[in-house]
């Protein structure tokens, strides 16, 4: 494989590793499925799950204020 392709793959894999962990954690918390009727409810449920995940992250301002 040419070196420029190896470098591009390496850069993509670093970004992918950073992005996929929060989504995997969110899927684990929601039981791998979103059981709602309609797209609007699913969007709200995903958004609320992401909001809770943000609140629970160690660099959250709420977490810093509690310590």
N, C-alpha and C. Protein backbone atom coordinates (compact mmCIF):
# COMPACT_ATOMS: atom_id res chain seq x y z
N UNK A 1 0.85 -1.17 0.00
CA UNK A 1 0.00 0.00 0.00
C UNK A 1 0.90 1.24 0.00
N UNK A 2 0.63 2.21 -0.84
CA UNK A 2 1.44 3.43 -0.88
C UNK A 2 1.40 4.18 0.45
N UNK A 3 2.47 4.92 0.72
CA UNK A 3 2.56 5.61 2.01
C UNK A 3 1.51 6.69 2.18
N UNK A 4 1.12 7.38 1.10
CA UNK A 4 0.12 8.43 1.25
C UNK A 4 -1.24 7.84 1.64
N UNK A 5 -1.53 6.65 1.17
CA UNK A 5 -2.79 5.99 1.55
C UNK A 5 -2.71 5.51 3.00
N UNK A 6 -1.55 5.01 3.41
CA UNK A 6 -1.37 4.59 4.80
C UNK A 6 -1.56 5.77 5.75
N UNK A 7 -0.99 6.92 5.39
CA UNK A 7 -1.14 8.11 6.23
C UNK A 7 -2.59 8.56 6.31
N UNK A 8 -3.28 8.53 5.19
CA UNK A 8 -4.70 8.93 5.18
C UNK A 8 -5.53 7.97 6.02
N UNK A 9 -5.27 6.68 5.92
CA UNK A 9 -5.99 5.69 6.73
C UNK A 9 -5.72 5.89 8.22
N UNK A 10 -4.49 6.21 8.55
CA UNK A 10 -4.13 6.45 9.95
C UNK A 10 -4.87 7.66 10.50
N UNK A 11 -4.93 8.73 9.71
CA UNK A 11 -5.64 9.93 10.15
C UNK A 11 -7.13 9.64 10.33
N UNK A 12 -7.72 8.91 9.41
CA UNK A 12 -9.14 8.56 9.52
C UNK A 12 -9.41 7.69 10.74
N UNK A 13 -8.53 6.75 11.00
CA UNK A 13 -8.77 5.85 12.13
C UNK A 13 -8.67 6.60 13.45
N UNK A 14 -7.82 7.61 13.55
CA UNK A 14 -7.74 8.40 14.78
C UNK A 14 -9.03 9.17 15.02
N UNK A 15 -9.56 9.77 13.97
CA UNK A 15 -10.83 10.50 14.10
C UNK A 15 -11.95 9.53 14.43
N UNK A 16 -11.98 8.41 13.76
CA UNK A 16 -13.03 7.41 13.99
C UNK A 16 -13.00 6.91 15.43
N UNK A 17 -11.82 6.70 15.98
CA UNK A 17 -11.70 6.22 17.36
C UNK A 17 -12.24 7.26 18.34
N UNK A 18 -12.00 8.53 18.07
CA UNK A 18 -12.51 9.59 18.96
C UNK A 18 -14.02 9.72 18.88
N UNK A 19 -14.57 9.54 17.69
CA UNK A 19 -16.00 9.76 17.48
C UNK A 19 -16.84 8.56 17.91
N UNK A 20 -16.36 7.36 17.68
CA UNK A 20 -17.20 6.19 17.90
C UNK A 20 -17.39 5.82 19.36
N UNK A 21 -16.48 6.17 20.24
CA UNK A 21 -16.63 5.81 21.65
C UNK A 21 -17.86 6.43 22.30
N UNK A 22 -18.12 7.73 22.12
CA UNK A 22 -19.35 8.28 22.72
C UNK A 22 -20.62 7.64 22.17
N UNK A 23 -20.65 7.33 20.88
CA UNK A 23 -21.83 6.70 20.31
C UNK A 23 -22.01 5.28 20.84
N UNK A 24 -20.91 4.56 21.02
CA UNK A 24 -21.00 3.21 21.58
C UNK A 24 -21.51 3.26 23.02
N UNK A 25 -21.05 4.23 23.78
CA UNK A 25 -21.53 4.38 25.16
C UNK A 25 -23.02 4.72 25.18
N UNK A 26 -23.43 5.58 24.29
CA UNK A 26 -24.84 5.95 24.22
C UNK A 26 -25.69 4.75 23.81
N UNK A 27 -25.23 3.95 22.86
CA UNK A 27 -25.97 2.76 22.46
C UNK A 27 -26.07 1.78 23.62
N UNK A 28 -25.00 1.65 24.40
CA UNK A 28 -25.02 0.74 25.54
C UNK A 28 -26.03 1.19 26.57
N UNK A 29 -26.10 2.48 26.83
CA UNK A 29 -27.05 3.01 27.81
C UNK A 29 -28.50 2.86 27.35
N UNK A 30 -28.74 2.98 26.07
CA UNK A 30 -30.11 2.91 25.55
C UNK A 30 -30.52 1.48 25.20
N UNK A 31 -29.68 0.51 25.45
CA UNK A 31 -30.04 -0.86 25.16
C UNK A 31 -29.96 -1.20 23.68
N UNK A 32 -29.14 -0.51 22.93
CA UNK A 32 -28.89 -0.75 21.51
C UNK A 32 -30.06 -0.44 20.59
N UNK A 33 -31.20 -0.06 21.14
CA UNK A 33 -32.35 0.24 20.29
C UNK A 33 -33.07 1.48 20.80
N UNK A 34 -33.70 2.15 19.87
CA UNK A 34 -34.59 3.26 20.21
C UNK A 34 -35.98 2.82 19.80
N UNK A 35 -36.83 2.60 20.77
CA UNK A 35 -38.17 2.07 20.48
C UNK A 35 -39.18 3.20 20.59
N UNK A 36 -39.32 3.94 19.54
CA UNK A 36 -40.30 5.02 19.49
C UNK A 36 -41.06 4.94 18.18
N UNK A 37 -42.21 5.56 18.18
CA UNK A 37 -42.98 5.68 16.95
C UNK A 37 -42.73 7.08 16.41
N UNK A 38 -42.11 7.17 15.28
CA UNK A 38 -41.90 8.46 14.64
C UNK A 38 -40.49 8.97 14.79
N UNK A 39 -40.07 9.68 13.78
CA UNK A 39 -38.72 10.22 13.73
C UNK A 39 -38.52 11.32 14.76
N UNK A 40 -39.53 12.15 15.00
CA UNK A 40 -39.38 13.26 15.94
C UNK A 40 -39.07 12.76 17.34
N UNK A 41 -39.78 11.74 17.79
CA UNK A 41 -39.51 11.18 19.13
C UNK A 41 -38.13 10.54 19.20
N UNK A 42 -37.72 9.88 18.14
CA UNK A 42 -36.40 9.26 18.12
C UNK A 42 -35.31 10.33 18.20
N UNK A 43 -35.49 11.42 17.49
CA UNK A 43 -34.51 12.51 17.53
C UNK A 43 -34.43 13.10 18.93
N UNK A 44 -35.57 13.30 19.58
CA UNK A 44 -35.58 13.83 20.94
C UNK A 44 -34.89 12.86 21.89
N UNK A 45 -35.17 11.58 21.77
CA UNK A 45 -34.57 10.59 22.65
C UNK A 45 -33.05 10.54 22.48
N UNK A 46 -32.59 10.59 21.25
CA UNK A 46 -31.14 10.60 20.99
C UNK A 46 -30.52 11.88 21.56
N UNK A 47 -31.19 13.00 21.35
CA UNK A 47 -30.68 14.27 21.87
C UNK A 47 -30.60 14.30 23.38
N UNK A 48 -31.62 13.76 24.05
CA UNK A 48 -31.60 13.72 25.51
C UNK A 48 -30.50 12.78 26.01
N UNK A 49 -30.31 11.67 25.32
CA UNK A 49 -29.23 10.75 25.70
C UNK A 49 -27.88 11.41 25.55
N UNK A 50 -27.70 12.18 24.49
CA UNK A 50 -26.44 12.88 24.29
C UNK A 50 -26.24 13.97 25.34
N UNK A 51 -27.32 14.64 25.72
CA UNK A 51 -27.25 15.67 26.76
C UNK A 51 -26.80 15.07 28.08
N UNK A 52 -27.37 13.93 28.46
CA UNK A 52 -26.99 13.26 29.70
C UNK A 52 -25.54 12.80 29.63
N UNK A 53 -25.13 12.28 28.49
CA UNK A 53 -23.74 11.85 28.32
C UNK A 53 -22.79 13.04 28.48
N UNK A 54 -23.17 14.20 27.93
CA UNK A 54 -22.35 15.39 28.08
C UNK A 54 -22.27 15.83 29.54
N UNK A 55 -23.37 15.73 30.26
CA UNK A 55 -23.37 16.11 31.67
C UNK A 55 -22.48 15.19 32.50
N UNK A 56 -22.43 13.92 32.12
CA UNK A 56 -21.67 12.95 32.89
C UNK A 56 -20.19 12.91 32.51
N UNK A 57 -19.80 13.60 31.46
CA UNK A 57 -18.40 13.56 31.05
C UNK A 57 -17.53 14.30 32.07
N UNK A 58 -16.29 13.86 32.25
CA UNK A 58 -15.43 14.45 33.27
C UNK A 58 -15.10 15.92 33.04
N UNK A 59 -15.15 16.39 31.81
CA UNK A 59 -14.81 17.78 31.54
C UNK A 59 -16.04 18.68 31.49
N UNK A 60 -17.17 18.18 31.94
CA UNK A 60 -18.40 18.96 31.97
C UNK A 60 -18.32 20.03 33.05
N UNK A 61 -18.90 21.19 32.79
CA UNK A 61 -18.88 22.27 33.79
C UNK A 61 -19.69 21.89 35.01
N UNK A 62 -20.75 21.10 34.84
CA UNK A 62 -21.55 20.66 35.99
C UNK A 62 -20.72 19.75 36.88
N UNK A 63 -19.96 18.84 36.29
CA UNK A 63 -19.11 17.95 37.07
C UNK A 63 -18.04 18.73 37.81
N UNK A 64 -17.47 19.74 37.17
CA UNK A 64 -16.45 20.55 37.83
C UNK A 64 -17.04 21.33 38.99
N UNK A 65 -18.27 21.82 38.84
CA UNK A 65 -18.89 22.59 39.91
C UNK A 65 -19.20 21.73 41.12
N UNK A 66 -19.50 20.46 40.92
CA UNK A 66 -19.83 19.58 42.03
C UNK A 66 -18.60 19.20 42.85
N UNK A 67 -17.45 19.22 42.22
CA UNK A 67 -16.22 18.83 42.94
C UNK A 67 -15.70 19.98 43.67
